Protein backbone atom coordinates (compact mmCIF):
# COMPACT_ATOMS: atom_id res chain seq x y z
CA MET A 1 0.00 0.00 0.00
CA PHE A 2 2.74 2.43 0.98
CA SER A 3 4.71 1.44 -2.15
CA LYS A 4 1.79 2.26 -4.39
CA LEU A 5 1.31 5.63 -2.62
CA PHE A 6 5.00 6.40 -2.90
CA SER A 7 5.04 5.47 -6.62
CA ARG A 8 2.07 7.72 -7.29
CA ILE A 9 3.83 10.65 -5.55
CA LEU A 10 6.93 10.11 -7.68
CA ASP A 11 4.83 9.95 -10.83
CA TYR A 12 3.12 13.21 -9.82
CA LEU A 13 6.44 14.90 -9.17
CA ASN A 14 7.87 13.74 -12.47
CA ASN A 15 4.96 15.29 -14.29
CA LEU A 16 5.50 18.75 -12.65
CA ASN A 17 7.21 21.54 -14.44
CA LEU A 18 9.95 23.73 -12.98
CA ARG A 19 7.63 26.44 -11.67
CA GLN A 20 5.51 23.92 -9.79
CA VAL A 21 8.60 22.29 -8.33
CA LEU A 22 9.87 25.63 -6.98
CA THR A 23 6.50 26.41 -5.48
CA LEU A 24 6.40 23.11 -3.68
CA ALA A 25 9.97 23.61 -2.45
CA ALA A 26 9.11 27.04 -1.04
CA ILE A 27 6.08 25.66 0.75
CA ALA A 28 8.15 22.84 2.19
CA ALA A 29 10.81 25.30 3.38
CA VAL A 30 8.24 27.49 5.10
CA LEU A 31 6.71 24.49 6.83
CA MET A 32 10.12 23.33 8.03
CA PHE A 33 10.94 26.81 9.34
CA VAL A 34 7.68 26.98 11.29
CA VAL A 35 8.18 23.54 12.78
CA LEU A 36 11.79 24.32 13.72
CA TYR A 37 10.79 27.69 15.34
CA VAL A 38 8.06 26.09 17.43
CA PHE A 39 10.37 23.33 18.57
CA LEU A 40 13.19 25.65 19.58
CA THR A 41 10.82 28.05 21.39
CA ARG A 42 9.33 25.30 23.47
CA PHE A 43 12.74 23.89 24.26
CA ALA A 44 13.99 27.30 25.45
CA ASN A 45 10.93 27.78 27.74
CA VAL A 46 11.53 24.39 29.34
CA GLU A 47 15.13 25.30 30.12
CA ASN A 48 14.07 28.67 31.66
CA GLU A 49 11.57 26.89 33.89
CA ASN A 50 14.21 24.47 35.14
CA VAL A 51 16.77 27.16 35.90
CA THR A 52 16.06 29.09 39.22
CA PRO A 53 17.23 32.73 39.03
CA LYS A 54 19.46 33.92 41.83
CA THR A 55 18.06 36.96 43.72
CA ILE A 56 20.21 39.23 45.85
CA THR A 57 18.43 40.50 48.99
CA VAL A 58 19.76 43.58 50.77
CA ASP A 59 18.36 44.17 54.27
CA LEU A 60 17.95 47.94 54.71
CA PRO A 61 17.26 49.27 58.22
CA ARG A 62 13.61 50.31 58.68
CA VAL A 63 12.98 53.72 60.22
CA THR A 64 9.95 55.32 61.85
CA THR A 65 9.14 59.02 62.29
CA VAL A 66 8.54 59.95 65.95
CA VAL A 67 8.30 63.11 68.07
CA VAL A 68 11.35 63.75 70.25
CA ALA A 69 11.84 66.35 73.00
CA LYS A 70 14.34 69.08 72.11
CA SER A 71 14.69 70.27 75.71
CA ASP A 72 13.74 69.14 79.19
CA ILE A 73 9.99 69.40 79.90
CA ALA A 74 8.76 69.61 83.48
CA PRO A 75 5.54 67.89 84.62
CA ARG A 76 2.24 69.71 83.89
CA VAL A 77 3.95 72.10 81.47
CA ASN A 78 2.03 72.62 78.23
CA ILE A 79 4.23 71.51 75.34
CA SER A 80 4.93 74.13 72.66
CA GLU A 81 6.27 73.63 69.17
CA SER A 82 9.71 74.91 70.18
CA MET A 83 10.09 72.11 72.76
CA VAL A 84 9.77 69.15 70.34
CA GLN A 85 10.89 68.02 66.91
CA VAL A 86 10.20 65.22 64.42
CA LYS A 87 12.99 62.66 64.01
CA GLU A 88 13.52 59.35 62.20
CA VAL A 89 14.75 56.49 64.39
CA PRO A 90 15.17 52.74 63.79
CA SER A 91 11.85 50.97 64.00
CA ASP A 92 13.11 48.36 66.44
CA SER A 93 13.94 51.10 68.99
CA VAL A 94 10.51 52.77 68.91
CA PRO A 95 8.57 52.18 72.17
CA ASN A 96 4.90 51.31 72.26
CA GLY A 97 2.57 54.31 72.09
CA ALA A 98 5.14 56.60 70.46
CA ILE A 99 3.62 59.76 69.00
CA THR A 100 4.40 60.39 65.34
CA SER A 101 2.74 63.77 64.72
CA LEU A 102 3.43 67.20 66.26
CA SER A 103 -0.27 68.05 66.32
CA GLU A 104 -0.81 65.29 68.91
CA VAL A 105 1.52 66.89 71.49
CA ILE A 106 1.13 70.65 71.00
CA ASP A 107 -0.65 72.30 73.99
CA LYS A 108 -0.77 68.99 75.87
CA PRO A 109 0.59 68.99 79.47
CA ALA A 110 3.37 66.59 80.37
CA ARG A 111 2.47 63.87 82.85
CA ILE A 112 6.06 63.23 83.99
CA ASN A 113 9.47 64.83 83.60
CA ILE A 114 10.60 64.43 79.95
CA LEU A 115 14.32 64.76 79.20
CA ALA A 116 15.83 66.16 76.01
CA GLY A 117 16.11 63.45 73.35
CA ASP A 118 13.36 61.27 74.82
CA ILE A 119 10.77 59.83 72.48
CA ILE A 120 7.39 61.19 73.55
CA THR A 121 4.75 58.53 74.13
CA LYS A 122 1.10 58.76 75.04
CA ARG A 123 1.82 57.65 78.59
CA LYS A 124 4.02 60.70 79.14
CA LEU A 125 1.24 63.19 78.33
CA TYR A 126 -2.21 64.18 79.52
CA LEU A 127 -4.11 63.78 76.27
CA SER A 128 -7.41 65.03 77.75
CA SER A 129 -8.58 67.21 80.61
CA GLU A 130 -9.97 64.15 82.39
CA GLN A 131 -6.52 62.56 82.44
CA SER A 132 -4.84 65.71 83.75
CA GLY A 133 -6.72 65.44 87.04
CA PHE A 134 -8.71 68.05 88.87
CA VAL A 135 -6.65 71.04 87.67
CA GLY A 136 -7.40 70.09 84.07
CA ALA A 137 -11.09 70.73 84.66
CA ILE A 138 -10.57 74.32 85.85
CA PRO A 139 -11.10 76.91 83.09
CA PRO A 140 -7.97 78.97 82.33
CA ASP A 141 -9.43 82.24 83.70
CA CYS A 142 -10.92 80.74 86.87
CA ARG A 143 -9.93 79.42 90.27
CA ALA A 144 -11.40 76.59 92.34
CA VAL A 145 -13.20 77.66 95.53
CA SER A 146 -15.02 75.34 97.96
CA ILE A 147 -17.99 76.08 100.22
CA ASN A 148 -19.94 74.06 102.75
CA VAL A 149 -23.35 72.77 101.66
CA ASN A 150 -25.91 70.33 102.98
CA ASN A 151 -28.94 68.50 101.67
CA ILE A 152 -30.92 71.72 101.48
CA THR A 153 -28.34 74.23 100.32
CA GLY A 154 -26.81 71.67 97.91
CA VAL A 155 -30.05 71.02 95.96
CA ALA A 156 -30.50 67.63 97.67
CA GLY A 157 -27.42 66.30 95.87
CA PHE A 158 -28.89 66.59 92.37
CA ALA A 159 -26.19 69.07 91.33
CA LYS A 160 -23.34 67.13 89.73
CA PRO A 161 -19.89 68.06 88.41
CA GLY A 162 -20.23 69.83 85.08
CA ASP A 163 -23.56 71.45 85.95
CA TYR A 164 -24.03 75.20 86.25
CA VAL A 165 -25.56 76.82 89.32
CA ASP A 166 -26.57 80.22 90.70
CA LEU A 167 -25.58 81.23 94.22
CA LEU A 168 -27.89 82.79 96.80
CA LEU A 169 -26.92 84.57 100.01
CA VAL A 170 -29.37 84.42 102.95
CA GLU A 171 -28.66 86.92 105.73
CA ASN A 172 -30.49 86.70 109.05
CA ASN A 173 -31.07 89.76 111.23
CA ASN A 174 -33.20 90.78 114.20
CA VAL A 175 -36.32 91.50 112.17
CA GLY A 176 -36.22 88.83 109.42
CA ALA A 177 -34.08 87.53 106.56
CA THR A 178 -32.83 88.94 103.27
CA THR A 179 -32.04 86.74 100.24
CA SER A 180 -30.09 88.00 97.24
CA ILE A 181 -28.53 86.55 94.08
CA ILE A 182 -24.79 87.11 94.28
CA LEU A 183 -23.41 84.97 91.39
CA GLN A 184 -24.93 83.40 88.30
CA ASN A 185 -24.01 80.70 85.75
CA ILE A 186 -21.17 79.22 87.82
CA LEU A 187 -19.51 75.91 86.83
CA LEU A 188 -19.66 73.21 89.51
CA LEU A 189 -16.31 71.38 89.45
CA SER A 190 -16.90 68.79 92.12
CA ILE A 191 -19.16 67.86 94.98
CA ASN A 192 -18.22 65.66 97.95
CA GLN A 193 -14.62 65.65 96.66
CA SER A 194 -15.61 63.84 93.47
CA MET A 195 -15.14 65.23 89.99
CA ASP A 196 -16.12 62.10 88.05
CA ARG A 197 -19.74 62.37 86.96
CA ASN A 198 -19.82 58.69 86.00
CA GLU A 199 -18.61 57.75 89.46
CA ILE A 200 -21.38 59.75 91.10
CA GLU A 201 -24.02 58.15 88.93
CA LYS A 202 -23.09 54.59 89.98
CA ASP A 203 -25.15 52.71 92.52
CA ASP A 204 -23.90 50.40 95.28
CA ASN A 205 -23.42 47.53 92.82
CA GLY A 206 -21.25 49.61 90.50
CA ASN A 207 -23.94 50.00 87.85
CA LYS A 208 -24.62 53.39 86.32
CA ASN A 209 -27.76 55.03 87.61
CA PRO A 210 -28.36 58.39 85.88
CA ASN A 211 -31.27 59.16 88.23
CA ALA A 212 -29.24 58.69 91.40
CA ALA A 213 -28.39 61.77 93.44
CA VAL A 214 -25.39 62.38 95.66
CA ALA A 215 -26.23 61.51 99.25
CA SER A 216 -25.54 64.11 101.93
CA PRO A 217 -23.44 66.62 99.99
CA SER A 218 -21.01 68.48 102.23
CA ILE A 219 -18.50 70.33 100.04
CA ALA A 220 -19.09 71.99 96.68
CA THR A 221 -16.16 73.26 94.62
CA LEU A 222 -16.88 75.98 92.07
CA ALA A 223 -14.92 77.56 89.22
CA LEU A 224 -14.83 81.31 89.86
CA ARG A 225 -12.96 84.28 88.51
CA PRO A 226 -10.78 85.96 91.15
CA GLN A 227 -13.19 88.85 91.72
CA GLU A 228 -16.11 86.39 91.99
CA ALA A 229 -14.14 84.28 94.48
CA LEU A 230 -13.62 87.33 96.71
CA LYS A 231 -17.33 88.08 96.60
CA LEU A 232 -18.31 84.50 97.48
CA VAL A 233 -15.85 84.14 100.37
CA SER A 234 -16.99 87.45 101.87
CA ALA A 235 -20.66 86.51 101.44
CA ALA A 236 -20.09 83.15 103.19
CA LYS A 237 -19.12 85.07 106.33
CA LEU A 238 -22.40 87.00 106.32
CA GLY A 239 -24.89 84.13 106.03
CA ASP A 240 -25.79 80.86 104.33
CA ILE A 241 -24.96 80.11 100.68
CA TYR A 242 -27.56 78.21 98.63
CA LEU A 243 -27.05 76.53 95.25
CA MET A 244 -29.70 76.95 92.55
CA LEU A 245 -29.35 74.31 89.83
CA ARG A 246 -29.77 75.77 86.34
CA PRO A 247 -31.55 73.92 83.51
CA SER A 248 -29.65 72.73 80.47
CA LYS A 249 -31.23 75.46 78.32
CA PRO A 250 -32.37 78.34 80.54
CA THR A 251 -34.74 80.94 79.14
CA ASP A 252 -32.56 83.77 80.44
CA MET A 253 -28.84 83.30 80.88
CA TYR A 254 -28.68 86.07 83.48
CA VAL A 255 -31.28 87.93 85.54
CA ASP A 256 -31.05 91.23 87.34
CA GLU A 257 -29.42 91.11 90.75
CA ILE A 258 -32.52 91.25 92.95
CA ASP A 259 -33.03 90.70 96.66
CA TYR A 260 -36.00 89.94 98.88
CA THR A 261 -36.46 90.78 102.56
CA LEU A 262 -39.03 88.96 104.69
CA ILE A 263 -39.89 90.53 108.05
CA SER A 264 -40.61 87.99 110.78
CA ALA A 265 -43.95 88.08 112.56
CA ASN A 266 -42.07 87.76 115.86
CA ALA A 267 -39.93 90.77 115.14
CA PRO A 268 -40.11 93.40 117.93
CA PRO A 269 -42.03 96.51 116.95
CA LYS A 270 -40.06 99.55 116.10
CA LYS A 271 -39.75 102.06 118.92
CA GLU A 272 -41.25 105.42 118.04
CA GLU A 273 -38.86 108.19 118.89
CA PRO A 274 -40.48 111.15 120.82
CA VAL A 275 -40.89 114.24 118.78
CA THR A 276 -39.25 117.22 120.47
CA PRO A 277 -41.13 120.52 120.04
CA ALA A 278 -39.40 123.08 117.97
CA GLN A 279 -37.69 125.79 119.99
CA PRO A 280 -38.72 129.36 119.16
CA ALA A 281 -36.13 131.23 117.26
CA LYS A 282 -34.17 133.78 119.22
CA PRO A 283 -34.66 137.38 118.05
CA VAL A 284 -31.75 138.75 116.22
CA GLU A 285 -30.18 141.60 118.13
CA SER A 286 -29.72 144.71 116.09
CA ALA A 287 -26.21 145.93 115.75
CA LYS A 288 -25.26 148.86 117.95
CA PRO A 289 -24.21 151.98 116.07
CA VAL A 290 -20.56 152.80 116.32
CA GLU A 291 -20.02 155.92 118.40
CA THR A 292 -17.87 158.48 116.67
CA PRO A 293 -15.87 160.94 118.80
CA PRO A 294 -17.04 164.56 118.64
CA ALA A 295 -15.19 166.78 116.29
CA ASP A 296 -12.48 168.95 117.81
CA THR A 297 -13.74 172.59 117.67
CA THR A 298 -10.62 174.14 119.23
CA PRO A 299 -9.42 177.02 117.06
CA LYS A 300 -6.22 176.35 115.20
CA PHE A 301 -3.49 179.03 115.43
CA GLU A 302 0.18 179.20 116.17
CA ILE A 303 1.68 180.69 119.26
CA ILE A 304 5.25 181.80 118.88
CA TYR A 305 7.21 182.43 121.98
CA GLY A 306 10.56 183.78 121.06
CA ALA A 307 12.20 181.47 118.54
CA GLU A 308 10.02 178.45 119.44
CA VAL A 309 6.60 177.48 118.31
CA VAL A 310 4.58 176.90 121.40
CA GLN A 311 1.33 175.73 119.60
CA ASN A 312 0.95 174.04 116.21
CA PRO A 313 -2.55 173.79 114.71
CA ASN A 314 -1.76 170.22 113.42
CA ASP A 315 -0.42 168.96 116.75
CA ASN A 316 -3.22 167.98 119.16
CA SER A 317 -0.83 167.39 122.03
CA SER A 318 0.48 170.92 121.71
CA ASN A 319 -3.10 172.19 121.69
CA LYS A 320 -3.85 170.23 124.85
CA GLU A 321 -0.76 171.59 126.62
CA ALA A 322 -1.63 175.14 125.50
CA SER A 323 -5.13 174.63 126.80
CA ALA A 324 -3.75 173.36 130.09
CA GLN A 325 -1.59 176.34 130.40
């Protein structure tokens, strides 16, 4: 079978002319080139897959940007931009909680003493007023002043830190009592030596109870400006100080400073002072006329005795002596 096929192919080739032979040769060459290209390409890909490339790894030190103190910073000192700087340090030497941005430390008070070159961490700063303790809750222009209160004067314990109150002064006297508003819209910092509102609102089991009031308040600490503190301390010596708890949104922020006096029914009556009759006015004595001496009517002439003038008309003493003679 194959011999017959081969003989037929030879007969076909023998019958071809030169042009047909060249065409067949070109086609055969192209086919051989394609087959050879595919074979070599696949062989080269197999060799590349078997060969593992060598990679060179260079371990570069990793760095982290942190905030470092430029100078020593004392506790509770507010940090300014001139006290700190940003610096790159190896990542393996960065402590936990390191601060990486200047905006996180500016105007924040230091919790402890920070030395120059130290990396500033969150534990070294007071990041909020609650963390900075009681002094962090005092407004910058105020001072903390404490007064004694009780269940009545302290609004039965319903006033809590962070609320605003008005202060009343009640003065007792012999006839009654006078009440006046001395200060208004005052921030209550603490009551019963506690400044944590959440702590006050917890019950005996430690659960939060927003409706619970402070039992038996005894000391209230207020944030007052210096001139207001002087007024409150002086008023506390005159009578009793009462707290008036303000609502969250009062209709009027401030009211006129008014007072009210209530006269007791047991007050002693006022003594009427006797009216003294008016004394008659003394007559005004008329002024006595000034007596003028009588005019001297003695005649005026000169008396010459020898070379001397015995009497001179302008000399009264000479006239008197002449008259005596």
